[in-house]
């Protein structure tokens, strides 16, 4: 005989797992976009492969993940942009 309570728990667990996977996927996509922005900043028109290697090297020297290093680089670039705009005002 089917267990309706067990079935309801399994359904709830499946939904929770699905939500976690979707959230994780969105976060990873956002992190990849940040990495791409950081590589663009570092490349300055040069080869992207070298810029990515530089990003990895920075991450290792800072002892953080590549994603965290990319966030730092993007944040520094945005801060510099904000400083440039405030100098013009």
C-alpha atoms as a PDB file:
ATOM      1  CA  UNK A   1       0.000   0.000   0.000  1.00  0.00           C
ATOM      2  CA  UNK A   2       1.444   3.400  -0.989  1.00  0.00           C
ATOM      3  CA  UNK A   3       2.600   5.670   1.822  1.00  0.00           C
ATOM      4  CA  UNK A   4       1.052   9.136   1.200  1.00  0.00           C
ATOM      5  CA  UNK A   5       3.202  10.816   3.866  1.00  0.00           C
ATOM      6  CA  UNK A   6       6.385   9.307   2.441  1.00  0.00           C
ATOM      7  CA  UNK A   7       5.333  10.362  -1.059  1.00  0.00           C
ATOM      8  CA  UNK A   8       4.674  13.926   0.129  1.00  0.00           C
ATOM      9  CA  UNK A   9       8.107  14.062   1.801  1.00  0.00           C
ATOM     10  CA  UNK A  10       9.799  12.791  -1.357  1.00  0.00           C
ATOM     11  CA  UNK A  11       7.966  15.376  -3.437  1.00  0.00           C
ATOM     12  CA  UNK A  12       9.005  18.143  -1.041  1.00  0.00           C
ATOM     13  CA  UNK A  13      12.609  16.943  -1.061  1.00  0.00           C
ATOM     14  CA  UNK A  14      12.630  16.813  -4.878  1.00  0.00           C
ATOM     15  CA  UNK A  15      11.307  20.382  -5.025  1.00  0.00           C
ATOM     16  CA  UNK A  16      13.920  21.597  -2.533  1.00  0.00           C
ATOM     17  CA  UNK A  17      16.700  19.857  -4.429  1.00  0.00           C
ATOM     18  CA  UNK A  18      15.489  21.322  -7.702  1.00  0.00           C
ATOM     19  CA  UNK A  19      15.408  24.818  -6.163  1.00  0.00           C
ATOM     20  CA  UNK A  20      18.948  24.365  -4.822  1.00  0.00           C
ATOM     21  CA  UNK A  21      20.227  23.213  -8.206  1.00  0.00           C
ATOM     22  CA  UNK A  22      18.598  26.177  -9.962  1.00  0.00           C
ATOM     23  CA  UNK A  23      20.040  28.622  -7.414  1.00  0.00           C
ATOM     24  CA  UNK A  24      23.480  27.054  -7.701  1.00  0.00           C
ATOM     25  CA  UNK A  25      23.333  27.199 -11.496  1.00  0.00           C
ATOM     26  CA  UNK A  26      22.354  30.888 -11.450  1.00  0.00           C
ATOM     27  CA  UNK A  27      25.224  31.663  -9.068  1.00  0.00           C
ATOM     28  CA  UNK A  28      27.736  29.830 -11.244  1.00  0.00           C
ATOM     29  CA  UNK A  29      26.555  31.672 -14.356  1.00  0.00           C
ATOM     30  CA  UNK A  30      26.897  34.995 -12.526  1.00  0.00           C
ATOM     31  CA  UNK A  31      30.395  33.993 -11.359  1.00  0.00           C
ATOM     32  CA  UNK A  32      31.401  33.069 -14.912  1.00  0.00           C
ATOM     33  CA  UNK A  33      30.165  36.446 -16.145  1.00  0.00           C
ATOM     34  CA  UNK A  34      32.314  38.111 -13.460  1.00  0.00           C
ATOM     35  CA  UNK A  35      35.316  36.060 -14.583  1.00  0.00           C
ATOM     36  CA  UNK A  36      34.747  37.160 -18.174  1.00  0.00           C
ATOM     37  CA  UNK A  37      34.600  40.822 -17.074  1.00  0.00           C
ATOM     38  CA  UNK A  38      37.821  40.423 -15.070  1.00  0.00           C
ATOM     39  CA  UNK A  39      39.570  38.784 -18.039  1.00  0.00           C
ATOM     40  CA  UNK A  40      38.433  41.674 -20.238  1.00  0.00           C
ATOM     41  CA  UNK A  41      39.890  44.155 -17.736  1.00  0.00           C
ATOM     42  CA  UNK A  42      43.171  42.265 -17.502  1.00  0.00           C
ATOM     43  CA  UNK A  43      43.527  41.647 -21.229  1.00  0.00           C
ATOM     44  CA  UNK A  44      43.396  45.324 -22.293  1.00  0.00           C
ATOM     45  CA  UNK A  45      43.196  44.208 -25.894  1.00  0.00           C
ATOM     46  CA  UNK A  46      45.750  41.418 -25.483  1.00  0.00           C
ATOM     47  CA  UNK A  47      45.207  37.683 -25.580  1.00  0.00           C
ATOM     48  CA  UNK A  48      42.400  36.402 -23.322  1.00  0.00           C
ATOM     49  CA  UNK A  49      44.347  33.244 -22.486  1.00  0.00           C
ATOM     50  CA  UNK A  50      47.133  35.284 -20.949  1.00  0.00           C
ATOM     51  CA  UNK A  51      44.645  37.427 -19.049  1.00  0.00           C
ATOM     52  CA  UNK A  52      42.958  34.322 -17.642  1.00  0.00           C
ATOM     53  CA  UNK A  53      46.362  32.946 -16.628  1.00  0.00           C
ATOM     54  CA  UNK A  54      47.066  36.259 -14.902  1.00  0.00           C
ATOM     55  CA  UNK A  55      43.710  36.019 -13.101  1.00  0.00           C
ATOM     56  CA  UNK A  56      44.576  32.499 -11.924  1.00  0.00           C
ATOM     57  CA  UNK A  57      48.006  33.659 -10.804  1.00  0.00           C
ATOM     58  CA  UNK A  58      46.486  36.538  -8.824  1.00  0.00           C
ATOM     59  CA  UNK A  59      43.997  34.173  -7.210  1.00  0.00           C
ATOM     60  CA  UNK A  60      46.800  31.845  -6.161  1.00  0.00           C
ATOM     61  CA  UNK A  61      48.950  34.653  -4.778  1.00  0.00           C
ATOM     62  CA  UNK A  62      45.962  36.083  -2.897  1.00  0.00           C
ATOM     63  CA  UNK A  63      45.063  32.524  -1.778  1.00  0.00           C
ATOM     64  CA  UNK A  64      41.461  32.850  -2.905  1.00  0.00           C
ATOM     65  CA  UNK A  65      39.292  31.259  -5.583  1.00  0.00           C
ATOM     66  CA  UNK A  66      39.375  32.480  -9.179  1.00  0.00           C
ATOM     67  CA  UNK A  67      35.800  33.678  -8.721  1.00  0.00           C
ATOM     68  CA  UNK A  68      36.741  35.764  -5.674  1.00  0.00           C
ATOM     69  CA  UNK A  69      39.751  37.204  -7.494  1.00  0.00           C
ATOM     70  CA  UNK A  70      37.543  38.121 -10.435  1.00  0.00           C
ATOM     71  CA  UNK A  71      35.101  39.858  -8.067  1.00  0.00           C
ATOM     72  CA  UNK A  72      37.983  41.843  -6.556  1.00  0.00           C
ATOM     73  CA  UNK A  73      39.269  42.924  -9.959  1.00  0.00           C
ATOM     74  CA  UNK A  74      35.831  43.937 -11.173  1.00  0.00           C
ATOM     75  CA  UNK A  75      35.179  45.805  -7.911  1.00  0.00           C
ATOM     76  CA  UNK A  76      38.524  47.640  -8.185  1.00  0.00           C
ATOM     77  CA  UNK A  77      37.725  48.588 -11.768  1.00  0.00           C
ATOM     78  CA  UNK A  78      34.283  49.861 -10.784  1.00  0.00           C
ATOM     79  CA  UNK A  79      35.796  51.836  -7.905  1.00  0.00           C
ATOM     80  CA  UNK A  80      38.342  53.384 -10.272  1.00  0.00           C
ATOM     81  CA  UNK A  81      35.494  54.308 -12.602  1.00  0.00           C
ATOM     82  CA  UNK A  82      33.610  55.904  -9.727  1.00  0.00           C
ATOM     83  CA  UNK A  83      36.747  57.834  -8.703  1.00  0.00           C
ATOM     84  CA  UNK A  84      37.243  59.080 -12.268  1.00  0.00           C
ATOM     85  CA  UNK A  85      33.671  60.317 -12.420  1.00  0.00           C
ATOM     86  CA  UNK A  86      33.889  62.040  -9.038  1.00  0.00           C
ATOM     87  CA  UNK A  87      37.094  63.812 -10.177  1.00  0.00           C
ATOM     88  CA  UNK A  88      35.202  65.248 -13.150  1.00  0.00           C
ATOM     89  CA  UNK A  89      32.348  66.600 -11.040  1.00  0.00           C
END
